[in-house]
Amino acid sequence: AARNSAKEESKLDAALSRIRVVTGSDGAIQKLRDDERHLEGLSREVTASIGSIDQLSKALAASTREGEELRNKRVKLESQVSSQRDWLEHHISPPLRILATKARQS
């Protein structure tokens, strides 16, 4: 059993040696792990940013709809005011002018 254990250890050491040769050192493996963790963190940040952008986009769409509604109300009110002004000028102004003329004459 001790002999098998020694053989297994030898195989593991040989495998680690090959890894060290391929990667250059044990530090390279750790650097890869660190880089992977860093990328995972960046991925979470990007995901959060996308969520924020989505919320801003929805808020902008709602604001745009509100702006359209306000613009439509303004146009409607301007039209009503214009109609009322026209009605006043047509129906009220002539009699007022007549009264003003008669008042000046007397």
N, C-alpha and C. Protein backbone atom coordinates (compact mmCIF):
# COMPACT_ATOMS: atom_id res chain seq x y z
N ALA A 1 0.83 -1.19 0.00
CA ALA A 1 0.00 0.00 0.00
C ALA A 1 0.87 1.25 0.00
N ALA A 2 1.98 1.16 0.76
CA ALA A 2 2.88 2.30 0.82
C ALA A 2 3.53 2.51 -0.54
N ARG A 3 3.79 1.40 -1.23
CA ARG A 3 4.40 1.48 -2.54
C ARG A 3 3.46 2.17 -3.54
N ASN A 4 2.14 1.79 -3.49
CA ASN A 4 1.13 2.42 -4.36
C ASN A 4 1.01 3.91 -4.04
N SER A 5 1.05 4.23 -2.76
CA SER A 5 0.95 5.61 -2.33
C SER A 5 2.14 6.41 -2.87
N ALA A 6 3.31 5.84 -2.81
CA ALA A 6 4.50 6.51 -3.31
C ALA A 6 4.40 6.70 -4.82
N LYS A 7 3.88 5.68 -5.52
CA LYS A 7 3.71 5.79 -6.97
C LYS A 7 2.72 6.91 -7.31
N GLU A 8 1.62 6.99 -6.56
CA GLU A 8 0.61 8.03 -6.79
C GLU A 8 1.21 9.40 -6.55
N GLU A 9 1.99 9.51 -5.47
CA GLU A 9 2.64 10.80 -5.17
C GLU A 9 3.60 11.18 -6.28
N SER A 10 4.29 10.19 -6.77
CA SER A 10 5.24 10.44 -7.85
C SER A 10 4.50 10.91 -9.11
N LYS A 11 3.37 10.28 -9.40
CA LYS A 11 2.57 10.69 -10.56
C LYS A 11 2.07 12.13 -10.38
N LEU A 12 1.61 12.44 -9.17
CA LEU A 12 1.11 13.79 -8.90
C LEU A 12 2.24 14.82 -9.05
N ASP A 13 3.42 14.48 -8.50
CA ASP A 13 4.55 15.40 -8.63
C ASP A 13 4.91 15.62 -10.09
N ALA A 14 4.87 14.53 -10.87
CA ALA A 14 5.19 14.64 -12.29
C ALA A 14 4.15 15.52 -13.00
N ALA A 15 2.89 15.34 -12.65
CA ALA A 15 1.82 16.15 -13.26
C ALA A 15 2.00 17.61 -12.89
N LEU A 16 2.31 17.88 -11.63
CA LEU A 16 2.54 19.27 -11.19
C LEU A 16 3.73 19.87 -11.91
N SER A 17 4.75 19.08 -12.10
CA SER A 17 5.94 19.56 -12.83
C SER A 17 5.57 19.94 -14.26
N ARG A 18 4.77 19.10 -14.90
CA ARG A 18 4.34 19.42 -16.26
C ARG A 18 3.51 20.71 -16.29
N ILE A 19 2.63 20.86 -15.29
CA ILE A 19 1.81 22.08 -15.20
C ILE A 19 2.72 23.29 -15.03
N ARG A 20 3.73 23.17 -14.17
CA ARG A 20 4.66 24.29 -13.95
C ARG A 20 5.40 24.64 -15.23
N VAL A 21 5.77 23.61 -15.99
CA VAL A 21 6.48 23.85 -17.24
C VAL A 21 5.56 24.55 -18.24
N VAL A 22 4.32 24.06 -18.33
CA VAL A 22 3.36 24.63 -19.28
C VAL A 22 2.99 26.05 -18.89
N THR A 23 2.73 26.28 -17.60
CA THR A 23 2.27 27.61 -17.17
C THR A 23 3.41 28.53 -16.79
N GLY A 24 4.56 28.01 -16.56
CA GLY A 24 5.69 28.84 -16.20
C GLY A 24 5.93 28.87 -14.71
N SER A 25 4.90 28.73 -13.91
CA SER A 25 5.08 28.70 -12.46
C SER A 25 3.74 28.49 -11.77
N ASP A 26 3.84 28.22 -10.47
CA ASP A 26 2.61 28.12 -9.67
C ASP A 26 1.90 29.46 -9.61
N GLY A 27 2.67 30.54 -9.67
CA GLY A 27 2.09 31.89 -9.60
C GLY A 27 1.17 32.17 -10.78
N ALA A 28 1.49 31.58 -11.93
CA ALA A 28 0.65 31.80 -13.12
C ALA A 28 -0.74 31.23 -12.91
N ILE A 29 -0.80 30.06 -12.26
CA ILE A 29 -2.10 29.44 -11.98
C ILE A 29 -2.90 30.35 -11.06
N GLN A 30 -2.25 30.86 -10.02
CA GLN A 30 -2.94 31.75 -9.09
C GLN A 30 -3.39 33.02 -9.81
N LYS A 31 -2.53 33.53 -10.69
CA LYS A 31 -2.90 34.73 -11.44
C LYS A 31 -4.12 34.46 -12.31
N LEU A 32 -4.18 33.29 -12.93
CA LEU A 32 -5.35 32.94 -13.73
C LEU A 32 -6.61 32.89 -12.87
N ARG A 33 -6.48 32.33 -11.68
CA ARG A 33 -7.63 32.28 -10.77
C ARG A 33 -8.05 33.69 -10.35
N ASP A 34 -7.06 34.53 -10.06
CA ASP A 34 -7.35 35.92 -9.67
C ASP A 34 -8.04 36.65 -10.83
N ASP A 35 -7.51 36.44 -12.04
CA ASP A 35 -8.11 37.07 -13.22
C ASP A 35 -9.54 36.60 -13.42
N GLU A 36 -9.77 35.31 -13.20
CA GLU A 36 -11.12 34.77 -13.35
C GLU A 36 -12.07 35.42 -12.34
N ARG A 37 -11.61 35.57 -11.08
CA ARG A 37 -12.45 36.23 -10.07
C ARG A 37 -12.71 37.68 -10.45
N HIS A 38 -11.67 38.34 -10.96
CA HIS A 38 -11.82 39.73 -11.38
C HIS A 38 -12.85 39.85 -12.52
N LEU A 39 -12.77 38.95 -13.48
CA LEU A 39 -13.72 38.95 -14.59
C LEU A 39 -15.14 38.68 -14.11
N GLU A 40 -15.28 37.79 -13.13
CA GLU A 40 -16.61 37.53 -12.56
C GLU A 40 -17.16 38.80 -11.92
N GLY A 41 -16.29 39.53 -11.21
CA GLY A 41 -16.70 40.80 -10.60
C GLY A 41 -17.12 41.81 -11.65
N LEU A 42 -16.33 41.91 -12.72
CA LEU A 42 -16.68 42.82 -13.81
C LEU A 42 -18.01 42.43 -14.45
N SER A 43 -18.21 41.14 -14.59
CA SER A 43 -19.46 40.65 -15.18
C SER A 43 -20.65 41.07 -14.32
N ARG A 44 -20.50 40.97 -13.00
CA ARG A 44 -21.59 41.40 -12.09
C ARG A 44 -21.83 42.90 -12.23
N GLU A 45 -20.75 43.68 -12.35
CA GLU A 45 -20.88 45.13 -12.51
C GLU A 45 -21.59 45.48 -13.81
N VAL A 46 -21.23 44.78 -14.89
CA VAL A 46 -21.86 45.03 -16.18
C VAL A 46 -23.34 44.68 -16.11
N THR A 47 -23.65 43.56 -15.46
CA THR A 47 -25.05 43.16 -15.30
C THR A 47 -25.82 44.21 -14.52
N ALA A 48 -25.23 44.73 -13.45
CA ALA A 48 -25.88 45.78 -12.66
C ALA A 48 -26.05 47.04 -13.49
N SER A 49 -25.05 47.39 -14.29
CA SER A 49 -25.14 48.57 -15.15
C SER A 49 -26.25 48.42 -16.18
N ILE A 50 -26.37 47.23 -16.74
CA ILE A 50 -27.44 46.98 -17.72
C ILE A 50 -28.79 47.17 -17.04
N GLY A 51 -28.92 46.69 -15.80
CA GLY A 51 -30.16 46.88 -15.05
C GLY A 51 -30.45 48.35 -14.84
N SER A 52 -29.42 49.13 -14.50
CA SER A 52 -29.59 50.57 -14.29
C SER A 52 -30.00 51.25 -15.60
N ILE A 53 -29.36 50.87 -16.68
CA ILE A 53 -29.69 51.45 -17.98
C ILE A 53 -31.14 51.12 -18.35
N ASP A 54 -31.56 49.90 -18.05
CA ASP A 54 -32.93 49.49 -18.34
C ASP A 54 -33.91 50.34 -17.54
N GLN A 55 -33.60 50.58 -16.25
CA GLN A 55 -34.47 51.42 -15.42
C GLN A 55 -34.52 52.85 -15.96
N LEU A 56 -33.36 53.39 -16.35
CA LEU A 56 -33.32 54.74 -16.90
C LEU A 56 -34.12 54.81 -18.21
N SER A 57 -34.01 53.78 -19.02
CA SER A 57 -34.74 53.73 -20.28
C SER A 57 -36.24 53.74 -20.03
N LYS A 58 -36.70 52.97 -19.04
CA LYS A 58 -38.12 52.94 -18.70
C LYS A 58 -38.58 54.30 -18.17
N ALA A 59 -37.74 54.92 -17.34
CA ALA A 59 -38.09 56.25 -16.79
C ALA A 59 -38.17 57.28 -17.92
N LEU A 60 -37.23 57.20 -18.87
CA LEU A 60 -37.24 58.12 -20.01
C LEU A 60 -38.50 57.91 -20.85
N ALA A 61 -38.87 56.67 -21.07
CA ALA A 61 -40.08 56.38 -21.86
C ALA A 61 -41.31 56.95 -21.16
N ALA A 62 -41.38 56.77 -19.83
CA ALA A 62 -42.52 57.30 -19.07
C ALA A 62 -42.53 58.82 -19.15
N SER A 63 -41.37 59.43 -19.02
CA SER A 63 -41.26 60.89 -19.10
C SER A 63 -41.66 61.39 -20.48
N THR A 64 -41.27 60.65 -21.50
CA THR A 64 -41.63 61.03 -22.87
C THR A 64 -43.14 60.96 -23.07
N ARG A 65 -43.76 59.91 -22.51
CA ARG A 65 -45.22 59.79 -22.61
C ARG A 65 -45.89 60.96 -21.88
N GLU A 66 -45.38 61.29 -20.69
CA GLU A 66 -45.95 62.41 -19.94
C GLU A 66 -45.78 63.71 -20.72
N GLY A 67 -44.61 63.88 -21.34
CA GLY A 67 -44.37 65.07 -22.15
C GLY A 67 -45.34 65.16 -23.32
N GLU A 68 -45.60 64.03 -23.96
CA GLU A 68 -46.56 64.00 -25.08
C GLU A 68 -47.95 64.36 -24.58
N GLU A 69 -48.34 63.81 -23.44
CA GLU A 69 -49.66 64.11 -22.89
C GLU A 69 -49.78 65.60 -22.57
N LEU A 70 -48.74 66.18 -21.96
CA LEU A 70 -48.76 67.61 -21.65
C LEU A 70 -48.81 68.44 -22.93
N ARG A 71 -48.06 68.06 -23.93
CA ARG A 71 -48.05 68.77 -25.21
C ARG A 71 -49.45 68.72 -25.84
N ASN A 72 -50.08 67.56 -25.79
CA ASN A 72 -51.43 67.42 -26.35
C ASN A 72 -52.43 68.29 -25.60
N LYS A 73 -52.31 68.34 -24.27
CA LYS A 73 -53.20 69.19 -23.47
C LYS A 73 -52.97 70.66 -23.80
N ARG A 74 -51.70 71.06 -23.97
CA ARG A 74 -51.39 72.46 -24.30
C ARG A 74 -52.01 72.83 -25.64
N VAL A 75 -51.87 71.95 -26.64
CA VAL A 75 -52.43 72.21 -27.97
C VAL A 75 -53.95 72.34 -27.87
N LYS A 76 -54.56 71.47 -27.10
CA LYS A 76 -56.02 71.51 -26.94
C LYS A 76 -56.45 72.82 -26.27
N LEU A 77 -55.72 73.21 -25.21
CA LEU A 77 -56.06 74.46 -24.52
C LEU A 77 -55.84 75.68 -25.44
N GLU A 78 -54.75 75.66 -26.20
CA GLU A 78 -54.50 76.77 -27.13
C GLU A 78 -55.63 76.86 -28.15
N SER A 79 -56.11 75.73 -28.61
CA SER A 79 -57.21 75.71 -29.57
C SER A 79 -58.48 76.26 -28.93
N GLN A 80 -58.76 75.87 -27.69
CA GLN A 80 -59.94 76.37 -26.99
C GLN A 80 -59.86 77.88 -26.78
N VAL A 81 -58.70 78.37 -26.37
CA VAL A 81 -58.51 79.80 -26.15
C VAL A 81 -58.71 80.55 -27.47
N SER A 82 -58.14 80.01 -28.53
CA SER A 82 -58.29 80.66 -29.84
C SER A 82 -59.75 80.70 -30.25
N SER A 83 -60.46 79.61 -30.06
CA SER A 83 -61.89 79.57 -30.41
C SER A 83 -62.68 80.58 -29.58
N GLN A 84 -62.38 80.65 -28.29
CA GLN A 84 -63.08 81.60 -27.42
C GLN A 84 -62.76 83.04 -27.82
N ARG A 85 -61.50 83.30 -28.16
CA ARG A 85 -61.11 84.64 -28.59
C ARG A 85 -61.87 85.02 -29.87
N ASP A 86 -61.93 84.08 -30.81
CA ASP A 86 -62.65 84.34 -32.06
C ASP A 86 -64.13 84.63 -31.78
N TRP A 87 -64.73 83.83 -30.89
CA TRP A 87 -66.14 84.02 -30.56
C TRP A 87 -66.35 85.40 -29.93
N LEU A 88 -65.45 85.76 -28.98
CA LEU A 88 -65.57 87.06 -28.33
C LEU A 88 -65.43 88.20 -29.35
N GLU A 89 -64.45 88.10 -30.22
CA GLU A 89 -64.24 89.14 -31.22
C GLU A 89 -65.44 89.26 -32.16
N HIS A 90 -66.07 88.15 -32.47
CA HIS A 90 -67.19 88.16 -33.41
C HIS A 90 -68.49 88.61 -32.75
N HIS A 91 -68.75 88.13 -31.51
CA HIS A 91 -70.04 88.39 -30.87
C HIS A 91 -70.04 89.54 -29.88
N ILE A 92 -68.96 89.76 -29.21
CA ILE A 92 -68.94 90.76 -28.14
C ILE A 92 -68.32 92.08 -28.60
N SER A 93 -67.26 92.01 -29.36
CA SER A 93 -66.57 93.24 -29.76
C SER A 93 -67.45 94.21 -30.55
N PRO A 94 -68.21 93.74 -31.56
CA PRO A 94 -69.03 94.71 -32.31
C PRO A 94 -70.01 95.49 -31.42
N PRO A 95 -70.77 94.81 -30.55
CA PRO A 95 -71.69 95.59 -29.70
C PRO A 95 -70.92 96.53 -28.76
N LEU A 96 -69.76 96.11 -28.28
CA LEU A 96 -68.98 96.98 -27.39
C LEU A 96 -68.49 98.21 -28.13
N ARG A 97 -68.09 98.03 -29.38
CA ARG A 97 -67.64 99.17 -30.18
C ARG A 97 -68.79 100.17 -30.40
N ILE A 98 -69.96 99.61 -30.66
CA ILE A 98 -71.14 100.47 -30.86
C ILE A 98 -71.42 101.26 -29.58
N LEU A 99 -71.38 100.55 -28.44
CA LEU A 99 -71.62 101.23 -27.16
C LEU A 99 -70.56 102.28 -26.89
N ALA A 100 -69.30 101.98 -27.19
CA ALA A 100 -68.22 102.93 -26.97
C ALA A 100 -68.41 104.15 -27.85
N THR A 101 -68.81 103.94 -29.08
CA THR A 101 -69.03 105.06 -30.00
C THR A 101 -70.17 105.95 -29.50
N LYS A 102 -71.26 105.32 -29.04
CA LYS A 102 -72.41 106.08 -28.53
C LYS A 102 -72.01 106.82 -27.26
N ALA A 103 -71.19 106.21 -26.43
CA ALA A 103 -70.77 106.87 -25.19
C ALA A 103 -69.92 108.08 -25.50
N ARG A 104 -69.08 108.01 -26.48
CA ARG A 104 -68.24 109.15 -26.86
C ARG A 104 -69.07 110.28 -27.47
N GLN A 105 -70.12 109.88 -28.14
CA GLN A 105 -70.95 110.88 -28.82
C GLN A 105 -71.81 111.66 -27.81
N SER A 106 -72.11 111.01 -26.71
CA SER A 106 -72.99 111.70 -25.77
C SER A 106 -72.28 112.51 -24.74
